[in-house]
Amino acid sequence: MSRSTYPQRKDAVLNALRQLFCEPSTTSEKAGKANTREIALQCDESIYSARSILLALAKEGQVSCTKQAHSRGLSWSYIPR
């Protein structure tokens, strides 16, 4: 089985974030945000690959990134167009 192309993987990561963004959250702090691990699990990517793709999407203005308080992790938000 061949590995997906980079554009396909990028679309998968963006779609995963969209899905997580649309899921109802129990806390307002979590609403509309997902961490790298959640996104990676949703689209079957490694955390490192997902982070790399998310950083590229952030440069394109499709997602926003914020540093998590009390953690080294990043939170990601989908920017609707």
C-alpha atoms as a PDB file:
ATOM      1  CA  MET A   1       0.000   0.000   0.000  1.00  0.00           C
ATOM      2  CA  SER A   2       1.454   3.371  -0.986  1.00  0.00           C
ATOM      3  CA  ARG A   3       1.656   6.272   1.442  1.00  0.00           C
ATOM      4  CA  SER A   4      -0.610   9.255   0.845  1.00  0.00           C
ATOM      5  CA  THR A   5       0.843  12.299  -0.865  1.00  0.00           C
ATOM      6  CA  TYR A   6       1.658  15.382   1.174  1.00  0.00           C
ATOM      7  CA  PRO A   7      -1.403  17.328  -0.100  1.00  0.00           C
ATOM      8  CA  GLN A   8      -3.648  14.378   0.847  1.00  0.00           C
ATOM      9  CA  ARG A   9      -2.078  14.187   4.301  1.00  0.00           C
ATOM     10  CA  LYS A  10      -2.458  17.944   4.702  1.00  0.00           C
ATOM     11  CA  ASP A  11      -6.149  17.693   3.803  1.00  0.00           C
ATOM     12  CA  ALA A  12      -6.570  14.819   6.267  1.00  0.00           C
ATOM     13  CA  VAL A  13      -5.027  16.859   9.095  1.00  0.00           C
ATOM     14  CA  LEU A  14      -7.185  19.886   8.268  1.00  0.00           C
ATOM     15  CA  ASN A  15     -10.312  17.716   8.108  1.00  0.00           C
ATOM     16  CA  ALA A  16      -9.429  16.135  11.460  1.00  0.00           C
ATOM     17  CA  LEU A  17      -9.129  19.579  13.024  1.00  0.00           C
ATOM     18  CA  ARG A  18     -12.435  20.632  11.457  1.00  0.00           C
ATOM     19  CA  GLN A  19     -14.122  17.555  12.932  1.00  0.00           C
ATOM     20  CA  LEU A  20     -12.652  18.194  16.371  1.00  0.00           C
ATOM     21  CA  PHE A  21     -13.590  21.872  16.073  1.00  0.00           C
ATOM     22  CA  CYS A  22     -17.221  20.972  15.333  1.00  0.00           C
ATOM     23  CA  GLU A  23     -17.561  18.492  18.208  1.00  0.00           C
ATOM     24  CA  PRO A  24     -19.364  19.961  21.227  1.00  0.00           C
ATOM     25  CA  SER A  25     -17.087  20.506  24.207  1.00  0.00           C
ATOM     26  CA  THR A  26     -17.963  20.368  27.868  1.00  0.00           C
ATOM     27  CA  THR A  27     -15.691  23.268  28.788  1.00  0.00           C
ATOM     28  CA  SER A  28     -15.505  26.681  27.186  1.00  0.00           C
ATOM     29  CA  GLU A  29     -11.702  26.604  27.528  1.00  0.00           C
ATOM     30  CA  LYS A  30     -11.530  23.554  25.257  1.00  0.00           C
ATOM     31  CA  ALA A  31     -14.170  24.701  22.755  1.00  0.00           C
ATOM     32  CA  GLY A  32     -12.772  25.075  19.244  1.00  0.00           C
ATOM     33  CA  LYS A  33      -9.281  23.888  20.168  1.00  0.00           C
ATOM     34  CA  ALA A  34      -7.393  20.635  19.837  1.00  0.00           C
ATOM     35  CA  ASN A  35      -3.891  19.638  20.785  1.00  0.00           C
ATOM     36  CA  THR A  36      -1.426  18.062  18.391  1.00  0.00           C
ATOM     37  CA  ARG A  37      -1.896  14.570  19.832  1.00  0.00           C
ATOM     38  CA  GLU A  38      -5.694  14.668  19.360  1.00  0.00           C
ATOM     39  CA  ILE A  39      -5.313  15.739  15.746  1.00  0.00           C
ATOM     40  CA  ALA A  40      -2.590  13.158  15.046  1.00  0.00           C
ATOM     41  CA  LEU A  41      -4.761  10.367  16.440  1.00  0.00           C
ATOM     42  CA  GLN A  42      -7.780  11.541  14.443  1.00  0.00           C
ATOM     43  CA  CYS A  43      -5.924  11.392  11.105  1.00  0.00           C
ATOM     44  CA  ASP A  44      -3.561   8.473  11.830  1.00  0.00           C
ATOM     45  CA  GLU A  45      -0.365  10.534  11.618  1.00  0.00           C
ATOM     46  CA  SER A  46       2.563  10.630  14.003  1.00  0.00           C
ATOM     47  CA  ILE A  47       2.584  13.601  16.353  1.00  0.00           C
ATOM     48  CA  TYR A  48       5.682  14.943  14.601  1.00  0.00           C
ATOM     49  CA  SER A  49       4.165  14.683  11.120  1.00  0.00           C
ATOM     50  CA  ALA A  50       0.898  16.235  12.288  1.00  0.00           C
ATOM     51  CA  ARG A  51       2.783  19.123  13.931  1.00  0.00           C
ATOM     52  CA  SER A  52       4.804  19.756  10.796  1.00  0.00           C
ATOM     53  CA  ILE A  53       1.661  19.798   8.647  1.00  0.00           C
ATOM     54  CA  LEU A  54      -0.183  22.000  11.167  1.00  0.00           C
ATOM     55  CA  LEU A  55       2.682  24.513  11.167  1.00  0.00           C
ATOM     56  CA  ALA A  56       2.466  24.658   7.358  1.00  0.00           C
ATOM     57  CA  LEU A  57      -1.318  25.177   7.586  1.00  0.00           C
ATOM     58  CA  ALA A  58      -0.743  27.949  10.134  1.00  0.00           C
ATOM     59  CA  LYS A  59       1.635  29.700   7.709  1.00  0.00           C
ATOM     60  CA  GLU A  60      -1.122  29.501   5.083  1.00  0.00           C
ATOM     61  CA  GLY A  61      -3.600  31.036   7.535  1.00  0.00           C
ATOM     62  CA  GLN A  62      -5.888  27.995   7.633  1.00  0.00           C
ATOM     63  CA  VAL A  63      -5.338  27.243  11.330  1.00  0.00           C
ATOM     64  CA  SER A  64      -4.165  29.206  14.348  1.00  0.00           C
ATOM     65  CA  CYS A  65      -1.734  28.006  16.959  1.00  0.00           C
ATOM     66  CA  THR A  66      -1.440  28.937  20.629  1.00  0.00           C
ATOM     67  CA  LYS A  67       0.921  27.667  23.304  1.00  0.00           C
ATOM     68  CA  GLN A  68      -0.814  25.702  26.028  1.00  0.00           C
ATOM     69  CA  ALA A  69      -0.488  27.104  29.521  1.00  0.00           C
ATOM     70  CA  HIS A  70       1.727  25.013  31.829  1.00  0.00           C
ATOM     71  CA  SER A  71       2.778  22.742  28.972  1.00  0.00           C
ATOM     72  CA  ARG A  72       5.156  22.502  26.050  1.00  0.00           C
ATOM     73  CA  GLY A  73       2.262  21.551  23.777  1.00  0.00           C
ATOM     74  CA  LEU A  74       0.384  23.598  21.242  1.00  0.00           C
ATOM     75  CA  SER A  75      -3.343  24.096  20.777  1.00  0.00           C
ATOM     76  CA  TRP A  76      -4.764  24.423  17.294  1.00  0.00           C
ATOM     77  CA  SER A  77      -7.909  26.139  16.086  1.00  0.00           C
ATOM     78  CA  TYR A  78      -9.542  25.907  12.699  1.00  0.00           C
ATOM     79  CA  ILE A  79     -10.056  29.246  10.912  1.00  0.00           C
ATOM     80  CA  PRO A  80     -13.288  28.996   8.886  1.00  0.00           C
ATOM     81  CA  ARG A  81     -13.178  30.613   5.477  1.00  0.00           C
END
